[in-house]
Amino acid sequence: MPIGRILNQIDSGPGGPLARRPLPTDSQLDITPMIDVTFLLLIFFLVASVPELQAALQLPTAQYGVGVSRRGAIPISIAGPDGGVRVYLSESTEGTALAGDESAQAAAVRAAVEAGLRDGKKEVLVRAERRLRHGDVARIVEAASIEGVKVNLAVLELR
C-alpha cells in the first residue's frame, strides 16, 4: 500500500480529515520578559558607568548682592582638616583656636554670638576653608544660629 493512501486513511476519520485546532489568542501581552531585560540593562549601566567624582565646579562670582560689613558682623573662622577642625573667633585662622571638643566649640560659638547680639551685631560671618567637610561647617553654623541673627558663609581661599 502506498504511503499516501495510509496517510489519507489516518487523516480521514468518521468526520473526514482532522481539523486543526485554532491557536489560543491572548488579548493581553505578557511584558514580564521586557521588564526583566529593562532592569538588567539599568543595572548594567549603573554598574558599568564611571561617575566623574572630582569634577571641578566653577561657580561664577556674584554680580548682585550686598556684602557683609566687617564691623557689623561677628567673625568665625574654621580651618582643618589636616590637624583636626579648628574654630577661631576672629577674621583669620591665626591665633588660638577654641577647644577641640565639639560641644565646647559649639558652646563658645553660641556665647560669642550672644555677646555680639548684645553689642548690636545682627550678622555672623562664618569663613571656612574649602577642603572642610560639610558636616563640620554645618555644626558651627547651627551653633551660631540664634534668633535675630543672620548667618553668612564664606570660603577661605588658601594661597
N, C-alpha and C. Protein backbone atom coordinates (compact mmCIF):
# COMPACT_ATOMS: atom_id res chain seq x y z
N MET A 1 0.84 -1.17 0.00
CA MET A 1 0.00 0.00 0.00
C MET A 1 0.89 1.24 0.00
N PRO A 2 0.60 2.19 -0.89
CA PRO A 2 1.44 3.39 -0.92
C PRO A 2 1.23 4.24 0.33
N ILE A 3 2.27 4.98 0.64
CA ILE A 3 2.29 5.80 1.86
C ILE A 3 1.22 6.88 1.84
N GLY A 4 0.92 7.43 0.66
CA GLY A 4 -0.09 8.47 0.57
C GLY A 4 -1.46 7.97 0.97
N ARG A 5 -1.77 6.70 0.62
CA ARG A 5 -3.06 6.12 0.98
C ARG A 5 -3.16 5.89 2.47
N ILE A 6 -2.05 5.51 3.07
CA ILE A 6 -2.04 5.27 4.52
C ILE A 6 -2.29 6.59 5.26
N LEU A 7 -1.65 7.65 4.78
CA LEU A 7 -1.84 8.95 5.44
C LEU A 7 -3.26 9.44 5.27
N ASN A 8 -3.85 9.17 4.11
CA ASN A 8 -5.24 9.59 3.91
C ASN A 8 -6.17 8.83 4.85
N GLN A 9 -5.88 7.56 5.08
CA GLN A 9 -6.72 6.78 5.98
C GLN A 9 -6.57 7.26 7.42
N ILE A 10 -5.34 7.65 7.77
CA ILE A 10 -5.13 8.16 9.14
C ILE A 10 -5.83 9.50 9.32
N ASP A 11 -5.68 10.41 8.31
CA ASP A 11 -6.26 11.74 8.42
C ASP A 11 -7.78 11.70 8.36
N SER A 12 -8.31 10.77 7.58
CA SER A 12 -9.75 10.75 7.46
C SER A 12 -10.34 9.86 8.54
N GLY A 13 -11.24 10.35 9.17
CA GLY A 13 -11.91 9.60 10.22
C GLY A 13 -13.37 9.61 9.93
N PRO A 14 -14.15 9.44 10.96
CA PRO A 14 -15.58 9.43 10.71
C PRO A 14 -16.09 10.76 10.17
N GLY A 15 -15.46 11.85 10.52
CA GLY A 15 -15.94 13.16 10.04
C GLY A 15 -15.08 13.72 8.95
N GLY A 16 -14.21 12.97 8.38
CA GLY A 16 -13.32 13.48 7.34
C GLY A 16 -11.95 13.80 7.92
N PRO A 17 -11.16 14.59 7.21
CA PRO A 17 -9.82 14.90 7.70
C PRO A 17 -9.90 15.66 9.03
N LEU A 18 -8.89 15.42 9.85
CA LEU A 18 -8.85 16.08 11.16
C LEU A 18 -8.64 17.58 10.99
N ALA A 19 -9.46 18.34 11.63
CA ALA A 19 -9.32 19.80 11.56
C ALA A 19 -8.28 20.27 12.57
N ARG A 20 -7.56 21.24 12.20
CA ARG A 20 -6.55 21.81 13.06
C ARG A 20 -7.22 22.67 14.12
N ARG A 21 -6.75 22.52 15.37
CA ARG A 21 -7.31 23.35 16.43
C ARG A 21 -6.77 24.77 16.30
N PRO A 22 -7.61 25.76 16.48
CA PRO A 22 -7.11 27.13 16.38
C PRO A 22 -6.18 27.44 17.57
N LEU A 23 -5.17 28.24 17.30
CA LEU A 23 -4.28 28.67 18.37
C LEU A 23 -5.02 29.60 19.32
N PRO A 24 -4.75 29.47 20.61
CA PRO A 24 -5.44 30.37 21.54
C PRO A 24 -4.95 31.81 21.33
N THR A 25 -5.87 32.72 21.30
CA THR A 25 -5.50 34.13 21.16
C THR A 25 -5.51 34.76 22.54
N ASP A 26 -4.42 35.41 22.85
CA ASP A 26 -4.30 36.07 24.14
C ASP A 26 -4.53 37.56 23.93
N SER A 27 -5.50 38.10 24.64
CA SER A 27 -5.82 39.52 24.45
C SER A 27 -4.83 40.44 25.17
N GLN A 28 -4.06 39.92 26.11
CA GLN A 28 -3.08 40.74 26.83
C GLN A 28 -1.68 40.23 26.52
N LEU A 29 -0.79 41.17 26.33
CA LEU A 29 0.60 40.84 26.04
C LEU A 29 1.37 40.72 27.35
N ASP A 30 2.11 39.67 27.51
CA ASP A 30 2.91 39.46 28.72
C ASP A 30 4.20 40.25 28.57
N ILE A 31 4.35 41.31 29.37
CA ILE A 31 5.53 42.17 29.25
C ILE A 31 6.57 41.88 30.33
N THR A 32 6.39 40.82 31.08
CA THR A 32 7.34 40.47 32.14
C THR A 32 8.76 40.31 31.60
N PRO A 33 8.98 39.59 30.49
CA PRO A 33 10.35 39.49 29.98
C PRO A 33 10.96 40.84 29.58
N MET A 34 10.14 41.74 29.05
CA MET A 34 10.65 43.06 28.67
C MET A 34 11.05 43.86 29.91
N ILE A 35 10.29 43.74 30.99
CA ILE A 35 10.63 44.43 32.23
C ILE A 35 11.93 43.86 32.80
N ASP A 36 12.07 42.54 32.74
CA ASP A 36 13.31 41.91 33.22
C ASP A 36 14.52 42.42 32.45
N VAL A 37 14.39 42.50 31.14
CA VAL A 37 15.51 42.98 30.31
C VAL A 37 15.81 44.44 30.62
N THR A 38 14.77 45.25 30.85
CA THR A 38 14.96 46.66 31.17
C THR A 38 15.72 46.81 32.49
N PHE A 39 15.34 46.06 33.50
CA PHE A 39 16.05 46.14 34.78
C PHE A 39 17.48 45.64 34.66
N LEU A 40 17.69 44.59 33.87
CA LEU A 40 19.05 44.11 33.68
C LEU A 40 19.92 45.16 32.99
N LEU A 41 19.36 45.84 31.98
CA LEU A 41 20.11 46.90 31.32
C LEU A 41 20.38 48.07 32.26
N LEU A 42 19.40 48.42 33.07
CA LEU A 42 19.58 49.50 34.04
C LEU A 42 20.69 49.17 35.02
N ILE A 43 20.67 47.96 35.55
CA ILE A 43 21.71 47.54 36.49
C ILE A 43 23.06 47.53 35.80
N PHE A 44 23.12 47.05 34.56
CA PHE A 44 24.38 47.02 33.83
C PHE A 44 24.96 48.42 33.67
N PHE A 45 24.13 49.38 33.25
CA PHE A 45 24.64 50.72 33.03
C PHE A 45 25.02 51.41 34.34
N LEU A 46 24.31 51.12 35.42
CA LEU A 46 24.69 51.70 36.71
C LEU A 46 26.02 51.16 37.20
N VAL A 47 26.24 49.87 37.00
CA VAL A 47 27.49 49.26 37.46
C VAL A 47 28.64 49.61 36.53
N ALA A 48 28.39 49.66 35.23
CA ALA A 48 29.46 49.87 34.26
C ALA A 48 29.86 51.34 34.11
N SER A 49 28.99 52.27 34.52
CA SER A 49 29.34 53.68 34.34
C SER A 49 30.33 54.12 35.40
N VAL A 50 31.17 55.05 35.05
CA VAL A 50 32.17 55.59 35.97
C VAL A 50 31.84 57.07 36.17
N PRO A 51 31.29 57.42 37.32
CA PRO A 51 30.96 58.83 37.53
C PRO A 51 32.23 59.65 37.75
N GLU A 52 32.19 60.86 37.32
CA GLU A 52 33.32 61.76 37.50
C GLU A 52 33.16 62.45 38.85
N LEU A 53 33.80 61.87 39.86
CA LEU A 53 33.63 62.36 41.22
C LEU A 53 34.39 63.65 41.47
N GLN A 54 35.47 63.84 40.79
CA GLN A 54 36.30 65.01 41.04
C GLN A 54 36.05 66.12 40.02
N ALA A 55 34.83 66.23 39.55
CA ALA A 55 34.51 67.27 38.58
C ALA A 55 34.64 68.63 39.26
N ALA A 56 35.40 69.48 38.67
CA ALA A 56 35.61 70.82 39.24
C ALA A 56 34.38 71.67 38.96
N LEU A 57 33.83 72.22 39.99
CA LEU A 57 32.67 73.08 39.86
C LEU A 57 33.13 74.52 39.96
N GLN A 58 33.00 75.24 38.89
CA GLN A 58 33.41 76.64 38.86
C GLN A 58 32.16 77.52 38.98
N LEU A 59 31.99 78.12 40.13
CA LEU A 59 30.85 78.99 40.34
C LEU A 59 31.20 80.41 39.91
N PRO A 60 30.28 81.08 39.26
CA PRO A 60 30.57 82.46 38.86
C PRO A 60 30.56 83.39 40.08
N THR A 61 31.26 84.48 39.95
CA THR A 61 31.25 85.46 41.04
C THR A 61 29.91 86.18 41.04
N ALA A 62 29.52 86.61 42.21
CA ALA A 62 28.24 87.29 42.36
C ALA A 62 28.31 88.68 41.75
N GLN A 63 27.30 89.01 40.93
CA GLN A 63 27.25 90.34 40.33
C GLN A 63 26.35 91.27 41.13
N TYR A 64 25.39 90.69 41.81
CA TYR A 64 24.45 91.49 42.56
C TYR A 64 24.43 91.01 44.00
N GLY A 65 24.15 91.88 44.89
CA GLY A 65 24.09 91.49 46.29
C GLY A 65 24.83 92.49 47.14
N VAL A 66 24.63 92.37 48.40
CA VAL A 66 25.25 93.29 49.35
C VAL A 66 26.25 92.51 50.17
N GLY A 67 27.44 93.06 50.29
CA GLY A 67 28.48 92.42 51.09
C GLY A 67 28.18 92.57 52.57
N VAL A 68 28.86 91.76 53.35
CA VAL A 68 28.68 91.79 54.80
C VAL A 68 29.70 92.77 55.37
N SER A 69 29.23 93.67 56.20
CA SER A 69 30.12 94.64 56.85
C SER A 69 30.97 93.92 57.89
N ARG A 70 32.27 94.15 57.86
CA ARG A 70 33.15 93.51 58.83
C ARG A 70 32.92 94.05 60.24
N ARG A 71 32.59 95.33 60.33
CA ARG A 71 32.37 95.91 61.66
C ARG A 71 31.04 95.48 62.27
N GLY A 72 30.06 95.17 61.42
CA GLY A 72 28.75 94.81 61.93
C GLY A 72 28.51 93.32 62.03
N ALA A 73 29.55 92.52 61.81
CA ALA A 73 29.38 91.07 61.81
C ALA A 73 30.29 90.43 62.85
N ILE A 74 29.85 89.31 63.37
CA ILE A 74 30.64 88.52 64.31
C ILE A 74 31.45 87.53 63.48
N PRO A 75 32.79 87.62 63.50
CA PRO A 75 33.59 86.72 62.65
C PRO A 75 33.86 85.37 63.31
N ILE A 76 33.72 84.32 62.51
CA ILE A 76 34.07 82.96 62.94
C ILE A 76 34.83 82.33 61.78
N SER A 77 36.00 81.79 62.04
CA SER A 77 36.81 81.14 61.00
C SER A 77 36.99 79.68 61.36
N ILE A 78 36.93 78.81 60.34
CA ILE A 78 37.08 77.38 60.56
C ILE A 78 38.20 76.89 59.65
N ALA A 79 39.14 76.15 60.23
CA ALA A 79 40.26 75.60 59.47
C ALA A 79 40.35 74.10 59.71
N GLY A 80 41.07 73.43 58.86
CA GLY A 80 41.25 71.99 59.01
C GLY A 80 41.41 71.37 57.65
N PRO A 81 41.26 70.13 57.45
CA PRO A 81 41.10 69.05 58.39
C PRO A 81 42.42 68.37 58.74
N ASP A 82 43.57 68.88 58.23
CA ASP A 82 44.83 68.19 58.46
C ASP A 82 45.18 68.07 59.94
N GLY A 83 44.92 69.07 60.73
CA GLY A 83 45.18 69.00 62.16
C GLY A 83 43.89 68.92 62.95
N GLY A 84 42.84 68.45 62.35
CA GLY A 84 41.53 68.44 63.00
C GLY A 84 40.83 69.76 62.72
N VAL A 85 39.56 69.82 63.01
CA VAL A 85 38.78 71.03 62.77
C VAL A 85 39.10 72.02 63.88
N ARG A 86 39.57 73.20 63.46
CA ARG A 86 39.91 74.25 64.41
C ARG A 86 38.99 75.44 64.17
N VAL A 87 38.43 75.98 65.24
CA VAL A 87 37.49 77.10 65.14
C VAL A 87 38.11 78.31 65.83
N TYR A 88 38.08 79.44 65.13
CA TYR A 88 38.64 80.69 65.65
C TYR A 88 37.53 81.73 65.71
N LEU A 89 37.52 82.52 66.75
CA LEU A 89 36.55 83.62 66.86
C LEU A 89 37.20 84.91 66.39
N SER A 90 37.73 84.87 65.17
CA SER A 90 38.39 86.02 64.58
C SER A 90 38.24 85.94 63.07
N GLU A 91 38.76 86.96 62.37
CA GLU A 91 38.63 87.01 60.92
C GLU A 91 39.63 86.11 60.21
N SER A 92 40.63 85.60 60.91
CA SER A 92 41.63 84.76 60.27
C SER A 92 41.82 83.48 61.08
N THR A 93 42.62 82.59 60.54
CA THR A 93 42.90 81.33 61.23
C THR A 93 44.23 81.40 61.97
N GLU A 94 44.61 82.59 62.38
CA GLU A 94 45.83 82.76 63.16
C GLU A 94 45.44 83.04 64.60
N GLY A 95 46.28 82.64 65.50
CA GLY A 95 45.99 82.84 66.91
C GLY A 95 45.60 81.53 67.57
N THR A 96 44.86 81.65 68.65
CA THR A 96 44.47 80.48 69.44
C THR A 96 43.10 79.99 69.01
N ALA A 97 43.03 78.70 68.73
CA ALA A 97 41.75 78.09 68.35
C ALA A 97 40.97 77.71 69.59
N LEU A 98 39.67 77.50 69.40
CA LEU A 98 38.83 77.04 70.51
C LEU A 98 39.19 75.61 70.86
N ALA A 99 38.71 75.16 72.00
CA ALA A 99 38.99 73.79 72.45
C ALA A 99 38.55 72.78 71.40
N GLY A 100 39.23 71.65 71.33
CA GLY A 100 38.99 70.66 70.30
C GLY A 100 37.68 69.90 70.43
N ASP A 101 37.07 69.89 71.60
CA ASP A 101 35.81 69.17 71.81
C ASP A 101 34.68 69.87 71.05
N GLU A 102 33.87 69.10 70.33
CA GLU A 102 32.81 69.69 69.51
C GLU A 102 31.77 70.43 70.34
N SER A 103 31.39 69.88 71.47
CA SER A 103 30.38 70.54 72.30
C SER A 103 30.95 71.82 72.92
N ALA A 104 32.24 71.81 73.28
CA ALA A 104 32.86 73.02 73.83
C ALA A 104 32.97 74.09 72.76
N GLN A 105 33.30 73.69 71.52
CA GLN A 105 33.35 74.66 70.42
C GLN A 105 31.97 75.27 70.18
N ALA A 106 30.95 74.43 70.17
CA ALA A 106 29.59 74.93 69.94
C ALA A 106 29.16 75.89 71.04
N ALA A 107 29.48 75.58 72.28
CA ALA A 107 29.12 76.46 73.39
C ALA A 107 29.86 77.79 73.29
N ALA A 108 31.15 77.76 72.93
CA ALA A 108 31.92 79.01 72.81
C ALA A 108 31.41 79.86 71.65
N VAL A 109 31.04 79.22 70.54
CA VAL A 109 30.49 79.97 69.40
C VAL A 109 29.16 80.59 69.77
N ARG A 110 28.30 79.83 70.44
CA ARG A 110 27.00 80.37 70.85
C ARG A 110 27.17 81.55 71.82
N ALA A 111 28.11 81.44 72.77
CA ALA A 111 28.36 82.54 73.71
C ALA A 111 28.88 83.77 72.98
N ALA A 112 29.76 83.60 72.00
CA ALA A 112 30.29 84.73 71.24
C ALA A 112 29.19 85.41 70.42
N VAL A 113 28.30 84.62 69.84
CA VAL A 113 27.20 85.19 69.05
C VAL A 113 26.22 85.94 69.97
N GLU A 114 25.93 85.38 71.12
CA GLU A 114 25.04 86.06 72.07
C GLU A 114 25.65 87.37 72.55
N ALA A 115 26.97 87.38 72.80
CA ALA A 115 27.65 88.61 73.21
C ALA A 115 27.62 89.64 72.09
N GLY A 116 27.82 89.20 70.85
CA GLY A 116 27.75 90.11 69.72
C GLY A 116 26.36 90.65 69.50
N LEU A 117 25.36 89.83 69.76
CA LEU A 117 23.97 90.28 69.63
C LEU A 117 23.65 91.35 70.66
N ARG A 118 24.20 91.20 71.88
CA ARG A 118 24.01 92.24 72.91
C ARG A 118 24.71 93.54 72.52
N ASP A 119 25.80 93.45 71.74
CA ASP A 119 26.52 94.65 71.29
C ASP A 119 25.89 95.27 70.06
N GLY A 120 24.82 94.68 69.54
CA GLY A 120 24.12 95.25 68.40
C GLY A 120 24.52 94.63 67.07
N LYS A 121 25.33 93.61 67.06
CA LYS A 121 25.72 92.95 65.82
C LYS A 121 24.68 91.88 65.49
N LYS A 122 24.09 92.00 64.31
CA LYS A 122 22.99 91.09 63.93
C LYS A 122 23.38 90.11 62.83
N GLU A 123 24.67 90.07 62.46
CA GLU A 123 25.12 89.16 61.42
C GLU A 123 26.34 88.39 61.90
N VAL A 124 26.42 87.15 61.43
CA VAL A 124 27.58 86.30 61.71
C VAL A 124 28.20 85.96 60.36
N LEU A 125 29.52 86.09 60.27
CA LEU A 125 30.24 85.73 59.06
C LEU A 125 31.11 84.52 59.36
N VAL A 126 30.71 83.37 58.82
CA VAL A 126 31.45 82.12 59.02
C VAL A 126 32.34 81.92 57.81
N ARG A 127 33.65 81.90 58.04
CA ARG A 127 34.61 81.66 56.96
C ARG A 127 35.18 80.26 57.15
N ALA A 128 35.04 79.45 56.13
CA ALA A 128 35.51 78.06 56.22
C ALA A 128 36.46 77.77 55.07
N GLU A 129 37.50 76.98 55.37
CA GLU A 129 38.41 76.57 54.31
C GLU A 129 37.69 75.66 53.32
N ARG A 130 38.13 75.69 52.09
CA ARG A 130 37.47 74.95 51.02
C ARG A 130 37.47 73.45 51.26
N ARG A 131 38.49 72.91 51.86
CA ARG A 131 38.63 71.45 51.99
C ARG A 131 37.89 70.86 53.19
N LEU A 132 37.19 71.66 53.95
CA LEU A 132 36.44 71.15 55.10
C LEU A 132 35.21 70.36 54.65
N ARG A 133 34.82 69.43 55.50
CA ARG A 133 33.61 68.67 55.23
C ARG A 133 32.39 69.52 55.57
N HIS A 134 31.31 69.23 54.87
CA HIS A 134 30.07 69.98 55.07
C HIS A 134 29.56 69.84 56.50
N GLY A 135 29.67 68.64 57.07
CA GLY A 135 29.17 68.40 58.42
C GLY A 135 29.86 69.25 59.47
N ASP A 136 31.15 69.50 59.30
CA ASP A 136 31.88 70.33 60.27
C ASP A 136 31.42 71.78 60.18
N VAL A 137 31.23 72.27 58.97
CA VAL A 137 30.76 73.65 58.80
C VAL A 137 29.32 73.78 59.30
N ALA A 138 28.49 72.80 58.99
CA ALA A 138 27.08 72.84 59.41
C ALA A 138 26.95 72.84 60.93
N ARG A 139 27.85 72.14 61.59
CA ARG A 139 27.82 72.09 63.07
C ARG A 139 28.09 73.48 63.65
N ILE A 140 29.04 74.21 63.09
CA ILE A 140 29.35 75.56 63.59
C ILE A 140 28.23 76.54 63.22
N VAL A 141 27.69 76.40 62.01
CA VAL A 141 26.59 77.27 61.60
C VAL A 141 25.38 77.05 62.50
N GLU A 142 25.11 75.81 62.85
CA GLU A 142 23.99 75.50 63.74
C GLU A 142 24.21 76.13 65.12
N ALA A 143 25.44 76.08 65.60
CA ALA A 143 25.73 76.68 66.91
C ALA A 143 25.58 78.20 66.86
N ALA A 144 25.88 78.81 65.70
CA ALA A 144 25.79 80.26 65.56
C ALA A 144 24.39 80.74 65.24
N SER A 145 23.49 79.83 64.92
CA SER A 145 22.12 80.22 64.53
C SER A 145 21.29 80.50 65.77
N ILE A 146 21.10 81.76 66.03
CA ILE A 146 20.28 82.20 67.15
C ILE A 146 19.22 83.13 66.57
N GLU A 147 18.08 83.17 67.19
CA GLU A 147 17.00 84.02 66.70
C GLU A 147 17.46 85.48 66.66
N GLY A 148 17.20 86.12 65.53
CA GLY A 148 17.57 87.52 65.37
C GLY A 148 18.94 87.73 64.73
N VAL A 149 19.63 86.64 64.40
CA VAL A 149 20.96 86.73 63.81
C VAL A 149 20.93 86.12 62.42
N LYS A 150 21.54 86.81 61.47
CA LYS A 150 21.65 86.30 60.09
C LYS A 150 23.05 85.71 59.92
N VAL A 151 23.11 84.46 59.48
CA VAL A 151 24.39 83.77 59.30
C VAL A 151 24.78 83.81 57.83
N ASN A 152 26.00 84.28 57.55
CA ASN A 152 26.55 84.34 56.20
C ASN A 152 27.74 83.39 56.11
N LEU A 153 27.89 82.73 54.96
CA LEU A 153 29.01 81.81 54.75
C LEU A 153 29.97 82.37 53.72
N ALA A 154 31.25 82.11 53.95
CA ALA A 154 32.30 82.49 53.01
C ALA A 154 33.31 81.37 52.95
N VAL A 155 34.06 81.31 51.85
CA VAL A 155 35.08 80.29 51.69
C VAL A 155 36.44 80.95 51.79
N LEU A 156 37.29 80.42 52.67
CA LEU A 156 38.65 80.91 52.79
C LEU A 156 39.49 80.30 51.69
N GLU A 157 40.10 81.13 50.87
CA GLU A 157 40.98 80.65 49.82
C GLU A 157 42.38 80.53 50.36
N LEU A 158 42.96 79.35 50.25
CA LEU A 158 44.33 79.15 50.71
C LEU A 158 45.29 79.55 49.59
N ARG A 159 46.30 80.29 49.93
CA ARG A 159 47.27 80.72 48.92
C ARG A 159 48.55 80.01 49.12
